N, C-alpha and C. Protein backbone atom coordinates (compact mmCIF):
# COMPACT_ATOMS: atom_id res chain seq x y z
N UNK A 1 0.86 -0.76 8.16
CA UNK A 1 2.30 -1.56 8.29
C UNK A 1 3.33 -0.74 7.54
N UNK A 2 4.49 -0.85 8.16
CA UNK A 2 5.58 0.14 7.59
C UNK A 2 6.44 -1.13 7.08
N UNK A 3 6.99 -0.86 5.57
CA UNK A 3 7.75 -1.86 4.98
C UNK A 3 8.97 -1.34 5.25
N UNK A 4 10.06 -2.04 5.70
CA UNK A 4 11.40 -1.71 5.98
C UNK A 4 12.37 -2.62 4.91
N UNK A 5 11.87 -2.72 3.85
CA UNK A 5 13.00 -3.67 3.02
C UNK A 5 14.38 -2.74 2.45
N UNK A 6 14.01 -1.66 2.19
CA UNK A 6 15.46 -0.71 2.16
C UNK A 6 16.23 -0.71 3.01
N UNK A 7 15.70 -0.54 4.43
CA UNK A 7 16.79 -0.58 5.30
C UNK A 7 17.48 -2.02 5.83
N UNK A 8 16.56 -3.01 5.69
CA UNK A 8 17.03 -4.14 5.80
C UNK A 8 18.24 -4.62 4.71
N UNK A 9 17.61 -4.30 3.58
CA UNK A 9 18.77 -4.27 2.46
C UNK A 9 19.90 -3.78 2.74
N UNK A 10 19.95 -2.46 3.00
CA UNK A 10 20.99 -1.59 3.43
C UNK A 10 22.13 -2.28 4.52
N UNK A 11 21.42 -2.78 5.26
CA UNK A 11 21.90 -3.43 6.73
C UNK A 11 22.83 -4.81 5.94
N UNK A 12 22.52 -4.99 5.05
CA UNK A 12 23.29 -6.35 4.14
C UNK A 12 23.95 -5.64 3.06
N UNK A 13 24.45 -4.36 3.15
CA UNK A 13 25.25 -3.70 1.96
C UNK A 13 24.81 -4.12 0.46
N UNK A 14 23.40 -4.06 0.32
CA UNK A 14 22.77 -3.91 -0.85
C UNK A 14 21.72 -2.69 -0.89
N UNK A 15 22.18 -1.70 -1.96
CA UNK A 15 21.97 -0.25 -2.00
C UNK A 15 21.10 0.08 -3.10
N UNK A 16 20.70 -1.06 -4.26
CA UNK A 16 20.02 -0.55 -5.46
C UNK A 16 19.21 -1.80 -5.48
N UNK A 17 18.07 -1.58 -6.26
CA UNK A 17 17.20 -2.82 -6.66
C UNK A 17 17.90 -3.50 -7.56
N UNK A 18 18.75 -3.23 -8.14
CA UNK A 18 19.41 -4.43 -9.32
C UNK A 18 20.24 -5.36 -8.44
N UNK A 19 20.88 -4.50 -7.35
CA UNK A 19 21.69 -5.47 -6.64
C UNK A 19 20.61 -6.48 -5.71
N UNK A 20 19.62 -6.26 -5.30
CA UNK A 20 18.52 -7.00 -4.70
C UNK A 20 18.11 -7.98 -5.54
N UNK A 21 17.95 -7.67 -6.80
CA UNK A 21 17.49 -8.76 -7.65
C UNK A 21 18.41 -9.71 -8.06
N UNK A 22 19.79 -9.49 -8.19
CA UNK A 22 20.87 -10.34 -8.35
C UNK A 22 20.83 -11.46 -7.09
N UNK A 23 20.65 -10.83 -5.74
CA UNK A 23 20.54 -11.50 -4.56
C UNK A 23 19.37 -12.43 -4.56
N UNK A 24 18.19 -12.00 -5.17
CA UNK A 24 17.15 -12.80 -4.98
C UNK A 24 17.43 -14.11 -6.18
N UNK A 25 18.07 -13.96 -7.34
CA UNK A 25 18.20 -14.99 -8.03
C UNK A 25 18.98 -16.23 -7.45
N UNK A 26 19.78 -15.99 -6.43
CA UNK A 26 20.46 -16.81 -5.82
C UNK A 26 19.72 -17.89 -4.92
N UNK A 27 18.43 -17.51 -4.58
CA UNK A 27 17.38 -18.62 -3.86
C UNK A 27 16.33 -18.77 -5.01
N UNK A 28 16.54 -18.42 -6.33
CA UNK A 28 15.56 -18.91 -7.24
C UNK A 28 14.40 -17.83 -7.51
N UNK A 29 14.40 -16.82 -6.89
CA UNK A 29 13.30 -15.88 -6.81
C UNK A 29 13.61 -14.74 -8.18
N UNK A 30 12.90 -14.90 -9.10
CA UNK A 30 13.22 -14.04 -10.11
C UNK A 30 12.08 -13.11 -10.58
N UNK A 31 11.91 -12.17 -9.79
CA UNK A 31 10.75 -11.20 -10.34
C UNK A 31 11.28 -10.40 -11.28
N UNK A 32 10.28 -9.50 -12.16
CA UNK A 32 10.85 -8.42 -12.82
C UNK A 32 11.41 -7.30 -12.07
N UNK A 33 12.59 -6.64 -12.73
CA UNK A 33 13.14 -5.65 -11.87
C UNK A 33 12.19 -4.56 -11.85
N UNK A 34 11.15 -4.43 -12.55
CA UNK A 34 10.23 -3.35 -12.17
C UNK A 34 9.33 -3.67 -10.73
N UNK A 35 9.04 -4.82 -10.54
CA UNK A 35 8.64 -5.63 -9.41
C UNK A 35 9.49 -5.08 -8.34
N UNK A 36 10.79 -5.53 -8.47
CA UNK A 36 11.59 -5.12 -7.25
C UNK A 36 11.79 -3.53 -6.96
N UNK A 37 12.09 -2.86 -8.10
CA UNK A 37 11.92 -1.39 -7.82
C UNK A 37 10.76 -1.07 -7.30
N UNK A 38 9.48 -1.51 -7.75
CA UNK A 38 8.31 -1.02 -6.80
C UNK A 38 8.46 -1.49 -5.37
N UNK A 39 8.92 -2.46 -5.03
CA UNK A 39 9.04 -2.97 -3.52
C UNK A 39 9.92 -1.93 -2.71
N UNK A 40 11.14 -2.03 -3.72
CA UNK A 40 12.25 -0.83 -3.14
C UNK A 40 11.86 0.29 -2.93
N UNK A 41 11.12 1.03 -3.63
CA UNK A 41 10.39 2.44 -3.62
C UNK A 41 9.40 2.76 -2.60
N UNK A 42 8.79 1.81 -2.33
CA UNK A 42 7.46 2.10 -1.58
C UNK A 42 6.91 0.82 -0.97
N UNK A 43 5.95 1.03 -0.14
CA UNK A 43 4.98 -0.32 0.53
C UNK A 43 4.13 -1.01 -0.49
N UNK A 44 4.49 -2.14 -0.63
CA UNK A 44 3.48 -2.96 -1.68
C UNK A 44 2.16 -3.01 -1.28
N UNK A 45 1.36 -3.20 -2.15
CA UNK A 45 -0.25 -3.30 -1.59
C UNK A 45 -0.29 -4.65 -1.16
N UNK A 46 0.26 -5.56 -1.89
CA UNK A 46 0.19 -7.15 -1.49
C UNK A 46 1.83 -7.78 -1.77
N UNK A 47 1.93 -8.90 -0.88
CA UNK A 47 3.13 -9.46 -0.87
C UNK A 47 2.88 -11.28 -0.75
N UNK A 48 3.07 -11.71 -1.67
CA UNK A 48 2.90 -13.26 -1.42
C UNK A 48 3.51 -13.87 -0.59
N UNK A 49 3.08 -14.68 0.34
CA UNK A 49 3.70 -15.31 1.32
C UNK A 49 4.95 -16.16 1.07
N UNK A 50 5.06 -16.87 -0.33
CA UNK A 50 6.22 -17.51 -0.51
C UNK A 50 7.28 -16.58 -0.94
N UNK A 51 7.04 -15.57 -1.44
CA UNK A 51 7.90 -14.37 -2.11
C UNK A 51 8.37 -13.53 -0.80
N UNK A 52 7.49 -13.26 0.38
CA UNK A 52 8.03 -12.74 1.53
C UNK A 52 9.20 -13.91 2.27
N UNK A 53 8.95 -15.09 2.03
CA UNK A 53 9.90 -16.36 2.63
C UNK A 53 11.07 -15.99 1.88
N UNK A 54 11.03 -15.94 0.46
CA UNK A 54 12.40 -16.06 -0.21
C UNK A 54 13.11 -14.54 -0.06
N UNK A 55 12.38 -13.31 0.21
CA UNK A 55 13.04 -12.06 0.62
C UNK A 55 13.64 -12.40 1.81
N UNK A 56 12.87 -12.82 3.00
CA UNK A 56 13.88 -13.23 4.20
C UNK A 56 14.94 -14.08 4.09
N UNK A 57 14.64 -15.15 3.32
CA UNK A 57 16.07 -15.88 3.23
C UNK A 57 17.03 -15.24 2.30
N UNK A 58 16.96 -14.44 1.45
CA UNK A 58 18.07 -13.86 0.80
C UNK A 58 18.55 -12.75 1.79
N UNK A 59 17.87 -11.97 2.60
CA UNK A 59 18.23 -10.86 3.67
C UNK A 59 18.74 -11.60 4.93
N UNK A 60 18.74 -12.81 5.10
CA UNK A 60 18.56 -13.59 5.99
C UNK A 60 18.16 -12.58 7.40
N UNK A 61 16.60 -12.38 7.33
CA UNK A 61 15.87 -11.53 8.14
C UNK A 61 14.74 -12.34 8.88
N UNK A 62 13.76 -11.95 9.42
CA UNK A 62 12.48 -12.23 9.82
C UNK A 62 11.47 -11.28 9.40
N UNK A 63 10.28 -11.78 9.19
CA UNK A 63 8.95 -11.15 8.80
C UNK A 63 9.01 -9.89 9.55
N UNK A 64 9.22 -10.07 10.75
CA UNK A 64 9.29 -8.92 11.58
C UNK A 64 10.17 -7.77 11.37
N UNK A 65 11.30 -8.07 10.71
CA UNK A 65 12.20 -7.14 10.15
C UNK A 65 11.72 -6.21 8.96
N UNK A 66 11.04 -6.86 8.39
CA UNK A 66 10.75 -6.27 7.04
C UNK A 66 9.27 -5.57 7.04
N UNK A 67 8.36 -6.19 8.07
CA UNK A 67 6.99 -5.45 8.51
C UNK A 67 7.06 -4.92 9.72
N UNK A 68 6.57 -3.79 10.18
CA UNK A 68 6.44 -3.30 11.39
C UNK A 68 4.96 -2.74 11.48
N UNK A 69 4.45 -3.01 12.35
CA UNK A 69 3.00 -2.48 12.78
C UNK A 69 2.82 -1.19 13.01
N UNK A 70 2.09 -0.39 12.76
CA UNK A 70 1.94 1.13 13.06
C UNK A 70 0.46 1.28 13.37
N UNK A 71 0.11 1.88 14.61
CA UNK A 71 -0.98 2.10 15.31
C UNK A 71 -1.81 3.06 14.13
N UNK A 72 -3.05 2.64 14.13
CA UNK A 72 -4.09 3.27 13.36
C UNK A 72 -4.37 4.73 13.62
N UNK A 73 -4.34 5.56 13.01
CA UNK A 73 -4.86 7.03 13.39
C UNK A 73 -6.17 7.05 14.30
N UNK A 74 -7.05 6.55 13.86
CA UNK A 74 -8.32 6.48 14.47
C UNK A 74 -8.02 5.88 16.15
N UNK A 75 -7.11 5.03 16.31
CA UNK A 75 -6.72 4.45 17.66
C UNK A 75 -5.76 5.24 18.32
N UNK A 76 -5.32 6.51 17.90
CA UNK A 76 -4.59 7.41 18.50
C UNK A 76 -5.44 8.62 19.15
N UNK A 77 -6.69 8.27 19.46
CA UNK A 77 -7.70 9.31 19.71
C UNK A 77 -8.49 10.11 18.81
N UNK A 78 -8.11 9.97 17.71
CA UNK A 78 -9.33 10.90 16.70
C UNK A 78 -10.42 10.10 16.40
N UNK A 79 -11.63 10.45 17.06
CA UNK A 79 -12.80 10.07 16.74
C UNK A 79 -13.19 10.02 15.27
N UNK A 80 -13.90 8.90 14.66
CA UNK A 80 -14.38 9.04 13.32
C UNK A 80 -15.55 9.64 13.25
N UNK A 81 -15.99 10.53 12.61
CA UNK A 81 -17.34 11.17 12.52
C UNK A 81 -18.36 10.23 11.24
N UNK A 82 -19.54 9.74 12.11
CA UNK A 82 -20.25 8.89 11.44
C UNK A 82 -21.25 9.52 10.60
N UNK A 83 -21.37 9.51 9.32
CA UNK A 83 -22.57 10.03 8.60
C UNK A 83 -24.02 9.90 9.30
N UNK A 84 -24.76 10.88 9.08
CA UNK A 84 -26.17 10.96 9.53
C UNK A 84 -27.14 10.63 8.25
N UNK A 85 -28.20 10.06 8.53
CA UNK A 85 -29.68 9.71 7.46
C UNK A 85 -29.99 10.84 7.18
N UNK A 86 -30.48 11.13 5.90
CA UNK A 86 -30.95 12.56 5.63
C UNK A 86 -32.41 12.42 6.38
N UNK A 87 -32.65 13.61 7.11
CA UNK A 87 -33.85 13.63 7.86
C UNK A 87 -33.80 13.35 9.32
N UNK A 88 -32.84 12.42 9.66
CA UNK A 88 -32.61 12.04 11.05
C UNK A 88 -32.23 13.09 11.98
N UNK A 89 -32.76 12.79 13.18
CA UNK A 89 -32.69 14.02 14.07
C UNK A 89 -31.46 13.81 14.83
N UNK A 90 -30.72 14.62 15.52
CA UNK A 90 -29.53 14.54 16.22
C UNK A 90 -29.81 13.47 17.37
N UNK A 91 -29.42 12.39 17.39
CA UNK A 91 -29.24 11.42 18.83
C UNK A 91 -28.22 11.19 19.45
N UNK A 92 -27.50 12.07 19.24
CA UNK A 92 -26.12 11.96 20.20
C UNK A 92 -25.04 11.37 19.38
N UNK A 93 -25.03 11.21 18.19
CA UNK A 93 -23.64 10.77 17.31
C UNK A 93 -23.59 9.28 17.11
N UNK A 94 -24.66 8.67 17.59
CA UNK A 94 -24.47 7.08 17.36
C UNK A 94 -24.41 6.40 16.15
N UNK A 95 -24.54 5.27 15.52
CA UNK A 95 -24.54 4.99 14.19
C UNK A 95 -25.87 5.08 13.63
N UNK A 96 -25.61 5.39 12.43
CA UNK A 96 -26.86 5.48 11.40
C UNK A 96 -27.56 4.41 11.55
N UNK A 97 -28.99 4.47 11.64
CA UNK A 97 -30.10 3.65 11.69
C UNK A 97 -31.15 3.90 10.79
N UNK A 98 -31.66 2.90 9.70
CA UNK A 98 -32.80 3.27 9.12
C UNK A 98 -33.97 3.47 10.02
N UNK A 99 -34.85 4.71 9.75
CA UNK A 99 -36.13 4.87 10.34
C UNK A 99 -37.21 4.26 9.54
N UNK A 100 -38.21 3.32 10.17
CA UNK A 100 -39.53 3.11 9.40
C UNK A 100 -40.21 4.41 9.23
N UNK A 101 -41.16 4.27 7.82
CA UNK A 101 -41.93 5.43 7.56
C UNK A 101 -43.22 5.31 8.35
N UNK A 102 -43.58 6.60 8.76
CA UNK A 102 -44.87 6.66 9.40
C UNK A 102 -46.03 6.96 8.51
């Protein structure tokens, strides 16, 4: 996912995390400045849905404006190499399956 918070905020004439924090306070959203700066500078690992709703209310945008799906690299044609079990014969690159002892 691509996080577009800075772009959406810039379209609303908000250029700094401190300006965004002040805008958040208008809807009762009071995160720490460090959290706002973290969301500003990079893609957050998690975002609570109610926080996302408040961000959208402040910026007058939709979730689709903030989050943009990006195709995975594996789907772009790069095939993933699966590991092989120790002592396994080359069977054509299929998934690794346990072999019973003889």
